[in-house]
Protein backbone atom coordinates (compact mmCIF):
# COMPACT_ATOMS: atom_id res chain seq x y z
CA MET A 1 0.00 0.00 0.00
CA ASP A 2 1.43 3.40 -0.98
CA ASP A 3 2.06 6.14 1.58
CA GLY A 4 -1.04 8.20 2.25
CA GLU A 5 -3.48 5.80 0.59
CA THR A 6 -6.64 4.76 2.31
CA LYS A 7 -8.07 1.41 1.32
CA ALA A 8 -11.74 0.88 2.02
CA ILE A 9 -13.21 -2.61 2.33
CA ALA A 10 -16.84 -2.67 1.32
CA PRO A 11 -19.23 -3.22 4.22
CA THR A 12 -21.26 -6.41 4.20
CA THR A 13 -24.47 -5.06 5.73
CA ILE A 14 -25.30 -1.82 3.94
CA ASP A 15 -29.07 -2.22 4.36
CA LYS A 16 -28.75 -3.07 8.04
CA GLN A 17 -26.53 -0.06 8.62
CA SER A 18 -29.01 2.24 6.92
CA ALA A 19 -31.90 0.83 8.91
CA HIS A 20 -30.13 1.40 12.20
CA ARG A 21 -28.40 4.72 11.47
CA SER A 22 -30.69 6.62 13.82
CA GLN A 23 -30.10 4.07 16.60
CA LEU A 24 -26.34 4.27 16.16
CA ASN A 25 -26.40 8.05 16.21
CA THR A 26 -28.53 7.97 19.36
CA LEU A 27 -25.90 5.74 20.98
CA LEU A 28 -23.14 8.08 19.95
CA TYR A 29 -24.78 11.07 21.60
CA ASP A 30 -26.35 9.30 24.59
CA GLU A 31 -23.04 8.60 26.28
CA LEU A 32 -24.51 7.62 29.63
CA ASP A 33 -26.41 4.57 28.38
CA PRO A 34 -24.70 1.22 27.68
CA MET A 35 -24.54 -0.06 24.12
CA PRO A 36 -27.28 -2.63 23.39
CA PRO A 37 -25.65 -6.01 22.55
CA GLU A 38 -27.87 -6.48 19.51
CA LEU A 39 -26.23 -3.44 17.85
CA ILE A 40 -22.62 -4.49 18.38
CA ASP A 41 -22.58 -6.71 15.28
CA ILE A 42 -23.99 -3.84 13.21
CA ILE A 43 -21.25 -1.48 14.34
CA LEU A 44 -18.57 -4.07 13.60
CA ASP A 45 -19.92 -4.40 10.05
CA TYR A 46 -19.10 -0.78 9.26
CA GLU A 47 -16.43 -0.03 6.66
CA CYS A 48 -12.96 -1.24 7.65
CA TYR A 49 -9.87 0.71 6.64
CA GLU A 50 -6.14 0.23 6.60
CA PHE A 51 -4.27 3.34 7.73
CA LYS A 52 -0.61 4.06 7.14
CA GLY A 53 -0.11 5.75 10.53
CA LYS A 54 0.48 3.81 13.73
CA LEU A 55 -1.33 3.99 17.03
CA ALA A 56 1.26 5.58 19.30
CA LYS A 57 -0.04 5.39 22.88
CA THR A 58 -3.24 4.68 24.78
CA LEU A 59 -3.55 6.56 28.07
CA PRO A 60 -5.81 4.76 30.56
CA GLY A 61 -6.85 6.57 33.69
CA HIS A 62 -10.36 7.93 33.33
CA THR A 63 -13.22 5.61 34.19
CA GLY A 64 -15.89 7.61 32.39
CA LEU A 65 -16.41 9.18 28.98
CA VAL A 66 -13.71 11.69 28.00
CA CYS A 67 -15.69 14.72 26.84
CA SER A 68 -13.03 17.43 26.69
CA LEU A 69 -9.38 17.65 25.57
CA ILE A 70 -7.18 20.73 25.33
CA GLN A 71 -3.45 21.33 25.06
CA LEU A 72 -2.32 23.81 27.69
CA ASN A 73 0.06 26.62 26.89
CA ASP A 74 2.87 24.71 28.63
CA GLY A 75 2.43 21.77 26.24
CA ARG A 76 0.63 19.41 28.62
CA ILE A 77 -2.82 17.95 27.91
CA ALA A 78 -5.88 18.51 30.11
CA SER A 79 -8.75 16.04 29.86
CA GLY A 80 -12.21 16.24 31.42
CA SER A 81 -14.37 13.20 32.05
CA TYR A 82 -17.75 12.04 33.27
CA ASP A 83 -15.87 10.30 36.09
CA ASN A 84 -15.77 13.79 37.69
CA THR A 85 -12.03 14.28 37.31
CA ILE A 86 -9.69 16.40 35.27
CA LYS A 87 -6.35 14.83 34.47
CA ILE A 88 -3.20 16.65 33.37
CA TRP A 89 -0.97 14.57 31.09
CA ASP A 90 2.63 14.82 29.97
CA PRO A 91 2.38 13.94 26.26
CA GLU A 92 6.12 13.34 25.90
CA PHE A 93 6.18 10.56 28.49
CA CYS A 94 2.47 9.71 28.07
CA LYS A 95 1.68 9.74 31.76
CA CYS A 96 -0.78 11.47 34.08
CA VAL A 97 0.97 14.03 36.28
CA LYS A 98 -2.01 15.54 38.15
CA THR A 99 -5.61 14.65 38.90
CA ILE A 100 -8.21 17.19 40.00
CA GLU A 101 -11.08 15.54 41.87
CA GLY A 102 -14.56 17.00 41.67
CA ASN A 103 -18.10 16.48 42.82
CA THR A 104 -21.05 15.25 40.82
CA ASN A 105 -21.97 17.17 37.66
CA THR A 106 -18.36 18.16 37.11
CA PHE A 107 -15.96 18.69 34.22
CA PHE A 108 -18.16 18.42 31.18
CA ASN A 109 -16.03 21.00 29.40
CA ILE A 110 -12.60 22.55 30.06
CA ILE A 111 -11.31 25.84 28.74
CA GLN A 112 -8.01 27.63 29.22
CA LEU A 113 -8.40 31.21 30.34
CA THR A 114 -6.26 34.09 29.12
CA ASN A 115 -4.24 33.95 32.37
CA ASN A 116 -3.33 30.25 31.74
CA HIS A 117 -5.68 28.98 34.44
CA ILE A 118 -8.27 26.40 33.42
CA ALA A 119 -11.99 26.77 34.02
CA PHE A 120 -14.80 24.22 34.28
CA TYR A 121 -18.17 23.71 35.90
CA SER A 122 -18.10 21.91 39.26
CA ASN A 123 -21.16 21.27 41.41
CA ASP A 124 -22.75 24.75 41.49
CA SER A 125 -20.25 27.10 39.89
CA ILE A 126 -17.62 27.72 37.24
CA LYS A 127 -14.24 27.53 38.94
CA ALA A 128 -10.75 28.61 37.90
CA TRP A 129 -7.86 26.28 38.75
CA ASP A 130 -4.12 26.74 38.50
CA PRO A 131 -2.92 23.53 36.81
CA SER A 132 0.64 24.12 38.01
CA THR A 133 -0.38 23.96 41.69
CA ASN A 134 -3.51 21.83 41.38
CA GLU A 135 -5.44 24.42 43.39
CA CYS A 136 -8.74 26.22 42.90
CA VAL A 137 -7.85 29.91 42.79
CA ARG A 138 -11.27 31.41 42.30
CA THR A 139 -14.97 30.82 41.83
CA LEU A 140 -15.87 32.74 38.70
CA ILE A 141 -19.63 32.37 38.35
CA LYS A 142 -22.30 30.75 40.52
CA TYR A 143 -24.90 28.65 38.72
CA PRO A 144 -27.79 26.64 40.22
CA SER A 145 -27.61 24.00 37.47
CA ALA A 146 -24.86 22.23 35.52
CA HIS A 147 -23.32 24.09 32.57
CA SER A 148 -21.97 21.72 29.95
CA LEU A 149 -20.46 24.24 27.51
CA LEU A 150 -18.04 27.07 28.23
CA ILE A 151 -16.11 29.53 26.09
CA GLN A 152 -14.28 32.69 27.08
CA LEU A 153 -14.96 35.61 24.78
CA SER A 154 -12.25 37.98 23.58
CA ASP A 155 -13.47 40.62 26.06
CA GLY A 156 -13.05 38.18 28.98
CA ARG A 157 -16.71 37.32 29.51
CA ILE A 158 -17.86 33.70 29.80
CA ALA A 159 -20.54 32.24 27.55
CA SER A 160 -22.17 28.99 28.63
CA ASP A 161 -25.24 26.82 28.36
CA SER A 162 -27.04 24.78 31.02
CA TYR A 163 -28.54 21.87 29.07
CA ALA A 164 -31.08 24.34 27.74
CA ASN A 165 -32.07 26.12 24.56
CA PHE A 166 -30.48 29.43 25.55
CA ILE A 167 -26.97 30.80 26.10
CA GLU A 168 -25.87 32.98 29.01
CA ILE A 169 -23.05 35.51 28.88
CA LYS A 170 -21.69 36.62 32.24
CA SER A 171 -18.81 38.65 33.56
CA ALA A 172 -15.85 36.58 34.75
CA GLU A 173 -15.10 39.34 37.25
CA ASN A 174 -18.35 39.56 39.20
CA GLY A 175 -20.55 36.82 37.73
CA LEU A 176 -23.28 39.25 36.70
CA SER A 177 -25.39 38.32 33.70
CA ARG A 178 -25.06 40.64 30.73
CA GLN A 179 -26.88 38.75 27.98
CA THR A 180 -29.23 35.82 27.57
CA LEU A 181 -29.44 34.56 24.01
CA ASN A 182 -32.82 32.99 23.27
CA GLY A 183 -33.88 31.46 19.96
CA HIS A 184 -33.00 27.78 19.73
CA ASP A 185 -35.86 25.31 20.14
CA ARG A 186 -33.71 22.56 21.67
CA TRP A 187 -30.57 22.09 23.78
CA VAL A 188 -27.47 23.95 22.59
CA GLN A 189 -24.77 21.41 21.67
CA CYS A 190 -21.77 23.59 20.74
CA LEU A 191 -20.48 27.16 20.98
CA ILE A 192 -17.64 29.05 19.32
CA GLN A 193 -16.65 32.69 19.05
CA LEU A 194 -15.96 33.92 15.54
CA ILE A 195 -12.63 35.71 15.56
CA ASN A 196 -12.56 37.22 12.08
CA GLY A 197 -14.67 37.94 9.02
CA ARG A 198 -18.14 39.35 8.65
CA TYR A 199 -19.27 38.25 12.11
CA LYS A 200 -16.10 38.98 14.06
CA ASP A 201 -16.66 38.69 17.85
CA HIS A 202 -20.08 37.13 17.35
CA ILE A 203 -20.99 33.69 18.76
CA ALA A 204 -22.04 30.72 16.62
CA SER A 205 -24.12 28.00 18.28
CA GLY A 206 -25.30 24.59 17.12
CA SER A 207 -28.38 22.92 18.54
CA GLY A 208 -30.55 19.85 18.74
CA ASP A 209 -33.04 21.80 16.63
CA HIS A 210 -30.72 21.10 13.63
CA THR A 211 -29.78 24.77 13.17
CA ILE A 212 -26.77 27.04 13.60
CA LYS A 213 -27.37 30.55 14.91
CA ILE A 214 -25.08 33.57 14.81
CA TRP A 215 -25.42 35.96 17.76
CA ASN A 216 -24.39 39.53 18.43
CA THR A 217 -22.85 39.30 21.91
CA ARG A 218 -23.47 42.99 22.67
CA THR A 219 -27.16 43.18 21.83
CA GLY A 220 -28.09 39.53 22.31
CA ALA A 221 -29.76 39.47 18.91
CA CYS A 222 -29.70 36.49 16.57
CA VAL A 223 -28.42 37.89 13.28
CA ALA A 224 -28.50 34.72 11.16
CA THR A 225 -29.88 31.17 11.22
CA LEU A 226 -28.24 28.49 9.07
CA LYS A 227 -30.44 25.54 8.09
CA GLY A 228 -29.55 22.34 6.27
CA HIS A 229 -28.72 19.62 8.77
CA THR A 230 -31.35 16.96 9.50
CA ASP A 231 -30.09 16.03 12.98
CA MET A 232 -28.46 17.79 15.92
CA VAL A 233 -25.49 20.06 15.21
CA SER A 234 -22.82 18.67 17.53
CA CYS A 235 -19.68 20.67 16.66
CA LEU A 236 -18.56 23.89 15.01
CA ILE A 237 -15.20 25.32 13.99
CA GLN A 238 -14.18 28.49 12.20
CA LEU A 239 -12.14 28.23 9.02
CA THR A 240 -10.62 31.05 6.97
CA ASN A 241 -12.26 33.37 4.43
CA ASN A 242 -15.59 33.76 6.24
CA LEU A 243 -16.15 29.99 6.36
CA ILE A 244 -17.27 27.75 9.24
CA ALA A 245 -17.67 23.97 9.36
CA SER A 246 -20.38 22.09 11.24
CA GLY A 247 -20.65 18.41 12.16
CA SER A 248 -23.96 16.69 12.79
CA GLY A 249 -25.64 13.51 13.90
CA ASP A 250 -26.98 13.24 10.36
CA GLY A 251 -23.51 12.01 9.29
CA THR A 252 -22.48 15.15 7.41
CA ILE A 253 -20.00 17.98 7.73
CA LYS A 254 -21.22 21.18 6.10
CA ILE A 255 -19.05 24.09 5.02
CA TRP A 256 -20.85 27.43 5.32
CA ASP A 257 -20.00 30.75 3.67
CA LEU A 258 -20.92 33.48 6.15
CA THR A 259 -20.83 36.18 3.50
CA THR A 260 -24.03 34.65 2.10
CA ASN A 261 -25.06 32.47 5.09
CA SER A 262 -25.27 29.47 2.77
CA CYS A 263 -23.90 25.91 2.67
CA ILE A 264 -21.33 25.57 -0.12
CA HIS A 265 -20.11 21.98 0.46
CA THR A 266 -21.35 18.83 2.22
CA LEU A 267 -18.98 16.02 3.27
CA ASN A 268 -20.68 12.68 3.89
CA ASN A 269 -19.64 10.28 6.67
CA SER A 270 -21.03 6.82 7.46
CA THR A 271 -22.11 7.72 11.02
CA GLY A 272 -22.88 10.84 13.04
CA ILE A 273 -20.12 13.38 13.65
CA ARG A 274 -19.34 14.04 17.30
CA CYS A 275 -16.25 16.30 17.14
CA LEU A 276 -14.36 18.32 14.58
CA ILE A 277 -11.03 20.16 14.46
CA GLN A 278 -8.92 21.79 11.77
CA LEU A 279 -5.37 20.44 11.54
CA THR A 280 -2.35 22.68 11.12
CA ASP A 281 -2.07 21.64 7.44
CA GLY A 282 -5.60 22.89 6.76
CA ARG A 283 -7.34 19.52 6.61
CA LEU A 284 -10.24 18.59 8.91
CA ALA A 285 -10.35 15.72 11.39
CA SER A 286 -13.73 14.41 12.55
CA GLY A 287 -14.54 11.87 15.24
CA SER A 288 -17.42 9.41 15.21
CA TYR A 289 -17.96 5.72 16.00
CA TYR A 290 -14.58 3.94 16.24
CA THR A 291 -12.92 6.17 13.65
CA ILE A 292 -11.26 9.49 12.97
CA THR A 293 -11.71 10.69 9.42
CA ILE A 294 -9.33 13.13 7.71
CA TRP A 295 -10.88 15.42 5.10
CA ASP A 296 -9.15 17.45 2.38
CA LEU A 297 -10.98 20.74 1.91
CA THR A 298 -9.38 21.38 -1.48
CA THR A 299 -11.15 18.32 -2.90
CA ASN A 300 -13.91 18.01 -0.24
CA SER A 301 -13.13 14.32 0.14
CA CYS A 302 -11.98 11.78 2.73
CA VAL A 303 -8.23 11.15 2.40
CA ASN A 304 -7.53 8.97 5.46
CA THR A 305 -9.41 7.06 8.15
CA LEU A 306 -7.77 6.19 11.47
CA THR A 307 -9.11 2.99 12.99
CA GLY A 308 -8.15 1.20 16.16
CA HIS A 309 -10.51 2.80 18.63
CA MET A 310 -12.62 0.37 20.59
CA ASN A 311 -15.27 2.98 21.36
CA GLY A 312 -16.85 6.21 20.16
CA VAL A 313 -14.62 9.28 19.65
CA PHE A 314 -16.02 12.24 21.60
CA CYS A 315 -13.25 14.85 21.43
CA LEU A 316 -10.10 15.65 19.47
CA THR A 317 -7.12 17.96 19.77
CA GLN A 318 -3.84 18.35 17.91
CA LEU A 319 -0.57 18.78 19.76
CA ALA A 320 2.05 21.36 18.81
CA ASP A 321 4.24 18.55 17.41
CA GLY A 322 1.46 17.50 15.02
CA ARG A 323 0.23 14.39 16.85
CA LEU A 324 -3.52 13.89 17.08
CA VAL A 325 -5.19 13.06 20.40
CA SER A 326 -8.64 11.50 20.77
CA GLY A 327 -10.87 11.04 23.83
CA LEU A 328 -13.17 8.03 23.93
CA ARG A 329 -16.45 6.99 25.45
CA ASP A 330 -14.74 4.23 27.47
CA GLY A 331 -12.44 6.71 29.25
CA LYS A 332 -9.29 6.13 27.21
CA ILE A 333 -7.18 8.80 25.53
CA VAL A 334 -5.32 7.83 22.35
CA ILE A 335 -2.29 9.65 20.95
CA TRP A 336 -1.67 9.07 17.23
CA LYS A 337 1.55 9.52 15.31
């Protein structure tokens, strides 16, 4: 097999896969429920690939789904899990160097703040921790209910959602609410801030109502709604030239031109997309059941598929040295060469 080639072996149960697509997607997004045994054979019948790269390291440690991965400014990896811990990893030696223990309803999402602290929701508030000392340095915002999504805006404010169909923006200094963004019909699944282009400093959100909304963070107004997906929008990233990419449970990645608020390309995957990042070489990497798919945006096609996972891929990040890191439903973290 030549370098860079991806060889696909035709699946043997196309009709069965199609019939159970919605069930498989439900399993992918309902991470707290066990996988029904009757569907295991269906999942194993999905397309098999040979991939030129090698699985580098598997990092065990978490006992619950890994839902968040970021590389810290010092080069280490922080992972958040449904086992109510955050772990700090040394990617060079592939070992856990710190564990932050939490209470229930903890660590659904980790962000790094502008001062290099990390922030996450724990019990009843968003807390800031110093990963170098393993200490909580401050309670940023008090919340009565769990907040699963967090982003810090360029002006320092925190935008979050609480398993609801609205987004709250609060001051990180005093916790006071400045905006509530209402408009989605179902739970908000993903949030990003747009850092350039037509909607610079606006927020883009994806929802279980199958739409993407663009929000003015000063007025709280929804300035655009993008429609085209037929299932929940699970992930969003900003590209260059006024483009964003969205991944969905409908098994597609859509590329949107924000100058016209229209979809210009659709990339088709065999199962629902759970996570999406842009690699340093410009390609996209998406995570779904058992696989990471690499997409070339110049041809809008799949160019590689990484197999070897024994469970669903829920989050991805790329290290400064180019290695790809994936977080799995079974609690494992995988580092790829």
